[in-house]
Amino acid sequence: MNELERLTPQQFELFQEFIYSRCGIKIDLSKITLVSNRIRRRLQPSNCEDFDAYYRFIRSKAGKSELVEFFNAITTNETSFFRTASNFAWLKNEYLPQLLREKSEGKRSPVLRIWSAACSSGEEPYSIAMCLSEEARIVREWDVQIVGTDISETSLGRAREAVYTERTMQELDSNRISKHFSEESSNQYRLRPAIARMVSFSNHNLMEPFPAKPFDCIWIRNVLIYFDRVSKAKVIENLVQSLVSGGYLVVGPSEGIYDMLGMLQKRNTFLYQKQ
């Protein structure tokens, strides 16, 4: 095998430790081919002749700008609209009625802040926006602030562009597709501005505190599976700090953090509340 076809175990370990130190993601040796392929694509744009030269480059001062592209290549994951339908059923059928009831009773102001953490290319926060847009009183009377963050600028670029293929839209019914999307070409759909405007995006590393006002609800799904327990604990600490008292944390089914959320009140298998 050509030496540039795949990282050696020793080279993989160097990149593995570097990725972990920067963003808390522990990549298993079983992913060596995937990681090799993604790094190889960055060699020519970086003027690096091999993996060793690229490793030295991204660790150098001169390679600081390449780090964005490196993490884009390593961390990009696939997602879809309305993934795990039960989470959105809770949002639409339980959480929004609760908010409206609390407002009518004078227990809260009509401001709602939701953070979609590690949002990839935007399908999750846009799904949240669709749910909120379908509740007329929320649209008319509330200041809704939905924030999507990710460590990958490439993913955030796709989120801001808001153009999607049918593959990510399989959980959308025909009514939502016709209402919220315009077909641009075969298998290309653009999200309508009314929904796109409801979400703002920014770059953020989950291992760092998020410098923003606290949120009423935070979604963290299908990402912590890639973190080890030490990193998960740090991410959870940062997320809980960003929740208001009484705020909700929505977690994915495979995060592996259920025994690490003792500081929150468990409401169901995916929902935890800060007291």
Protein backbone atom coordinates (compact mmCIF):
# COMPACT_ATOMS: atom_id res chain seq x y z
CA MET A 1 0.00 0.00 0.00
CA ASN A 2 1.26 3.47 -0.88
CA GLU A 3 2.41 5.33 2.24
CA LEU A 4 -0.03 8.17 1.51
CA GLU A 5 -3.05 5.91 1.18
CA ARG A 6 -3.48 5.56 4.92
CA LEU A 7 -2.06 6.87 8.16
CA THR A 8 0.23 4.53 10.05
CA PRO A 9 -1.00 3.63 13.56
CA GLN A 10 1.66 5.96 14.95
CA GLN A 11 0.56 8.85 12.74
CA PHE A 12 -3.07 8.19 13.56
CA GLU A 13 -2.28 8.36 17.26
CA LEU A 14 -0.68 11.80 16.84
CA PHE A 15 -3.75 13.18 15.04
CA GLN A 16 -6.05 11.38 17.48
CA GLU A 17 -4.40 13.07 20.47
CA PHE A 18 -4.38 16.45 18.73
CA ILE A 19 -8.11 16.25 17.91
CA TYR A 20 -8.91 15.20 21.46
CA SER A 21 -6.87 18.01 23.00
CA ARG A 22 -8.61 20.63 20.86
CA CYS A 23 -12.26 19.54 20.78
CA GLY A 24 -12.67 16.60 23.16
CA ILE A 25 -13.55 14.05 20.47
CA LYS A 26 -11.89 10.65 20.88
CA ILE A 27 -11.66 8.95 17.49
CA ASP A 28 -11.29 5.18 17.59
CA LEU A 29 -8.57 3.38 15.65
CA SER A 30 -11.32 1.69 13.64
CA LYS A 31 -11.81 5.08 11.92
CA ILE A 32 -8.21 5.19 10.60
CA THR A 33 -9.26 4.85 6.95
CA LEU A 34 -11.95 7.53 7.24
CA VAL A 35 -9.56 9.94 8.97
CA SER A 36 -6.83 9.17 6.43
CA ASN A 37 -9.14 9.96 3.53
CA ARG A 38 -10.29 13.23 5.03
CA ILE A 39 -6.80 14.42 5.89
CA ARG A 40 -5.42 13.39 2.50
CA ARG A 41 -7.81 15.84 0.81
CA ARG A 42 -6.18 18.67 2.75
CA LEU A 43 -2.57 17.90 1.76
CA GLN A 44 -2.51 19.63 -1.61
CA PRO A 45 -4.42 22.77 -0.52
CA SER A 46 -1.95 23.08 2.35
CA ASN A 47 1.13 22.42 0.20
CA CYS A 48 2.07 19.47 2.37
CA GLU A 49 3.73 16.48 0.75
CA ASP A 50 2.69 13.90 3.32
CA PHE A 51 0.80 13.28 6.59
CA ASP A 52 3.81 14.13 8.77
CA ALA A 53 4.27 17.49 7.08
CA TYR A 54 0.56 18.24 7.48
CA TYR A 55 0.65 17.35 11.18
CA ARG A 56 3.58 19.72 11.72
CA PHE A 57 1.80 22.41 9.71
CA ILE A 58 -1.48 22.42 11.66
CA ARG A 59 0.46 22.58 14.93
CA SER A 60 2.50 25.55 13.74
CA LYS A 61 1.68 29.25 13.88
CA ALA A 62 1.61 29.34 10.08
CA GLY A 63 -1.05 26.63 10.01
CA LYS A 64 -3.52 28.35 12.32
CA SER A 65 -5.95 29.17 9.50
CA GLU A 66 -5.82 25.57 8.26
CA LEU A 67 -7.20 24.34 11.60
CA VAL A 68 -10.67 25.48 10.53
CA GLU A 69 -10.50 23.32 7.40
CA PHE A 70 -8.99 20.42 9.34
CA PHE A 71 -11.78 20.32 11.90
CA ASN A 72 -14.34 20.81 9.14
CA ALA A 73 -12.99 17.69 7.45
CA ILE A 74 -12.82 15.61 10.62
CA THR A 75 -16.08 16.51 12.39
CA THR A 76 -18.64 16.78 9.57
CA ASN A 77 -21.59 14.45 10.25
CA GLU A 78 -24.89 13.72 8.55
CA THR A 79 -28.24 14.71 10.01
CA SER A 80 -31.86 15.14 8.91
CA PHE A 81 -35.01 17.13 9.60
CA PHE A 82 -37.21 16.03 12.55
CA ARG A 83 -34.79 13.27 13.54
CA THR A 84 -36.25 11.41 16.55
CA ALA A 85 -39.88 12.47 16.18
CA SER A 86 -40.71 12.09 19.90
CA ASN A 87 -38.46 15.08 20.73
CA PHE A 88 -40.43 17.34 18.41
CA ALA A 89 -43.75 15.96 19.60
CA TRP A 90 -42.76 17.06 23.12
CA LEU A 91 -41.78 20.49 21.82
CA LYS A 92 -45.02 21.05 19.94
CA ASN A 93 -47.56 19.29 22.17
CA GLU A 94 -46.16 19.84 25.67
CA TYR A 95 -43.49 22.55 25.83
CA LEU A 96 -45.17 25.24 23.74
CA PRO A 97 -48.53 24.87 25.56
CA GLN A 98 -46.62 25.10 28.85
CA LEU A 99 -44.96 28.34 27.75
CA LEU A 100 -48.25 29.87 26.62
CA ARG A 101 -49.91 28.88 29.90
CA GLU A 102 -47.07 30.37 31.98
CA LYS A 103 -47.29 33.62 30.02
CA SER A 104 -51.07 33.85 30.47
CA GLU A 105 -50.60 33.34 34.21
CA GLY A 106 -47.99 36.10 34.35
CA LYS A 107 -45.19 33.69 35.27
CA ARG A 108 -42.88 34.53 32.38
CA SER A 109 -42.22 37.11 29.70
CA PRO A 110 -42.85 36.29 26.01
CA VAL A 111 -39.19 35.64 25.21
CA LEU A 112 -37.99 32.18 24.17
CA ARG A 113 -34.33 31.27 23.66
CA ILE A 114 -33.39 27.86 22.23
CA TRP A 115 -29.88 26.60 21.51
CA SER A 116 -29.26 23.78 19.05
CA ALA A 117 -25.73 22.69 20.02
CA ALA A 118 -23.59 20.93 17.40
CA CYS A 119 -26.29 21.63 14.83
CA SER A 120 -24.27 20.49 11.80
CA SER A 121 -25.92 21.78 8.61
CA GLY A 122 -28.96 23.24 10.37
CA GLU A 123 -31.68 20.62 10.05
CA GLU A 124 -32.31 20.49 13.81
CA PRO A 125 -32.71 24.23 14.54
CA TYR A 126 -34.79 24.68 11.40
CA SER A 127 -37.03 21.80 12.50
CA ILE A 128 -37.46 23.58 15.83
CA ALA A 129 -38.30 26.80 13.97
CA MET A 130 -40.95 25.00 11.91
CA CYS A 131 -42.64 23.72 15.06
CA LEU A 132 -42.68 27.18 16.59
CA SER A 133 -43.93 28.81 13.39
CA GLU A 134 -46.95 26.51 13.41
CA GLU A 135 -48.14 27.97 16.72
CA ALA A 136 -49.75 31.29 15.75
CA ARG A 137 -49.59 32.86 19.22
CA ILE A 138 -45.84 32.21 19.45
CA VAL A 139 -45.29 33.84 16.07
CA ARG A 140 -47.44 36.90 16.85
CA GLU A 141 -46.63 37.60 20.47
CA TRP A 142 -43.20 36.16 21.31
CA ASP A 143 -39.59 37.16 20.77
CA VAL A 144 -38.19 33.82 19.55
CA GLN A 145 -34.41 33.43 19.43
CA ILE A 146 -33.07 30.15 18.02
CA VAL A 147 -29.29 29.75 17.88
CA GLY A 148 -27.47 26.95 16.08
CA THR A 149 -23.78 26.33 16.73
CA ASP A 150 -21.17 23.97 15.36
CA ILE A 151 -17.39 23.65 15.29
CA SER A 152 -17.43 23.14 11.51
CA GLU A 153 -17.55 26.29 9.39
CA THR A 154 -18.36 24.14 6.36
CA SER A 155 -21.47 22.80 8.09
CA LEU A 156 -22.46 26.29 9.23
CA GLY A 157 -22.07 27.53 5.67
CA ARG A 158 -24.51 24.89 4.46
CA ALA A 159 -26.89 25.79 7.29
CA ARG A 160 -26.89 29.46 6.33
CA GLU A 161 -27.39 28.58 2.66
CA ALA A 162 -30.42 26.47 3.68
CA VAL A 163 -30.56 24.30 0.57
CA TYR A 164 -31.27 20.60 1.16
CA THR A 165 -31.75 17.34 -0.68
CA GLU A 166 -34.55 14.81 -0.30
CA ARG A 167 -32.25 12.53 1.68
CA THR A 168 -32.37 14.84 4.71
CA MET A 169 -36.12 15.48 4.33
CA GLN A 170 -37.47 11.95 4.68
CA GLU A 171 -39.21 12.70 8.01
CA LEU A 172 -41.00 15.76 6.59
CA ASP A 173 -44.58 15.29 5.43
CA SER A 174 -45.76 16.79 2.15
CA ASN A 175 -47.56 19.67 3.91
CA ARG A 176 -44.40 20.88 5.64
CA ILE A 177 -42.35 20.50 2.48
CA SER A 178 -44.76 22.59 0.40
CA LYS A 179 -45.21 25.16 3.17
CA HIS A 180 -41.59 25.64 4.20
CA PHE A 181 -39.54 24.87 1.07
CA SER A 182 -39.33 25.93 -2.56
CA GLU A 183 -38.00 23.42 -5.09
CA GLU A 184 -34.96 24.84 -6.84
CA SER A 185 -34.10 21.87 -9.06
CA SER A 186 -34.34 18.11 -9.06
CA ASN A 187 -33.59 16.97 -5.50
CA GLN A 188 -32.74 20.51 -4.34
CA TYR A 189 -35.02 22.39 -1.95
CA ARG A 190 -34.47 25.84 -0.45
CA LEU A 191 -35.91 26.71 2.94
CA ARG A 192 -38.26 29.66 2.73
CA PRO A 193 -37.02 32.94 4.30
CA ALA A 194 -39.74 32.99 6.96
CA ILE A 195 -38.15 29.96 8.65
CA ALA A 196 -34.53 30.72 7.76
CA ARG A 197 -34.78 34.13 9.44
CA MET A 198 -35.79 32.53 12.74
CA VAL A 199 -32.35 30.92 13.25
CA SER A 200 -28.92 32.49 13.70
CA PHE A 201 -25.69 30.49 13.50
CA SER A 202 -22.26 30.83 15.06
CA ASN A 203 -19.09 28.79 15.46
CA HIS A 204 -18.64 27.18 18.85
CA ASN A 205 -16.54 24.44 20.44
CA LEU A 206 -18.61 22.51 23.00
CA MET A 207 -15.55 22.15 25.22
CA GLU A 208 -15.70 25.91 25.83
CA PRO A 209 -18.43 27.91 27.64
CA PHE A 210 -20.83 29.56 25.21
CA PRO A 211 -20.62 33.37 25.69
CA ALA A 212 -24.33 34.09 25.33
CA LYS A 213 -27.35 34.83 27.49
CA PRO A 214 -28.80 31.68 29.12
CA PHE A 215 -31.28 29.58 27.18
CA ASP A 216 -34.73 28.24 28.04
CA CYS A 217 -34.07 25.01 26.15
CA ILE A 218 -30.90 23.38 24.82
CA TRP A 219 -30.78 20.51 22.34
CA ILE A 220 -27.69 18.27 22.29
CA ARG A 221 -28.30 15.16 20.22
CA ASN A 222 -26.24 12.59 18.35
CA VAL A 223 -22.88 14.20 19.09
CA LEU A 224 -21.65 13.26 22.58
CA ILE A 225 -21.38 9.64 21.49
CA TYR A 226 -18.03 10.71 20.00
CA PHE A 227 -16.70 12.12 23.31
CA ASP A 228 -15.07 10.23 26.18
CA ARG A 229 -16.42 10.62 29.72
CA VAL A 230 -13.99 13.36 30.73
CA SER A 231 -14.96 15.44 27.71
CA LYS A 232 -18.66 14.66 28.16
CA ALA A 233 -18.49 15.94 31.74
CA LYS A 234 -16.94 19.22 30.55
CA VAL A 235 -19.55 19.66 27.82
CA ILE A 236 -22.38 18.94 30.26
CA GLU A 237 -20.97 21.51 32.69
CA ASN A 238 -20.93 24.12 29.94
CA LEU A 239 -24.46 23.26 28.80
CA VAL A 240 -25.95 23.38 32.29
CA GLN A 241 -24.30 26.76 32.89
CA SER A 242 -26.09 28.01 29.77
CA LEU A 243 -29.54 26.92 30.97
CA VAL A 244 -31.87 29.20 32.89
CA SER A 245 -33.42 27.86 36.10
CA GLY A 246 -36.30 25.67 35.03
CA GLY A 247 -34.78 25.28 31.55
CA TYR A 248 -34.80 21.98 29.64
CA LEU A 249 -32.01 19.89 28.14
CA VAL A 250 -33.04 17.65 25.23
CA VAL A 251 -30.56 14.79 24.67
CA GLY A 252 -30.20 12.15 21.98
CA PRO A 253 -30.82 8.43 22.50
CA SER A 254 -27.16 7.39 22.21
CA GLU A 255 -25.24 10.13 24.00
CA GLY A 256 -24.15 7.89 26.89
CA ILE A 257 -24.63 10.63 29.50
CA TYR A 258 -27.73 9.54 31.41
CA ASP A 259 -25.70 8.66 34.52
CA MET A 260 -23.93 12.04 34.34
CA LEU A 261 -26.98 14.31 34.62
CA GLY A 262 -27.59 14.04 38.36
CA MET A 263 -27.64 17.83 38.71
CA LEU A 264 -30.82 17.90 36.55
CA GLN A 265 -34.32 16.52 37.14
CA LYS A 266 -35.17 13.72 34.72
CA ARG A 267 -38.55 14.28 33.06
CA ASN A 268 -38.43 11.41 30.58
CA THR A 269 -35.85 9.38 28.66
CA PHE A 270 -34.63 12.35 26.60
CA LEU A 271 -35.64 15.34 28.72
CA TYR A 272 -33.93 16.87 31.76
CA GLN A 273 -34.77 20.06 33.67
CA LYS A 274 -32.56 22.43 35.63
CA GLN A 275 -33.92 23.25 39.06
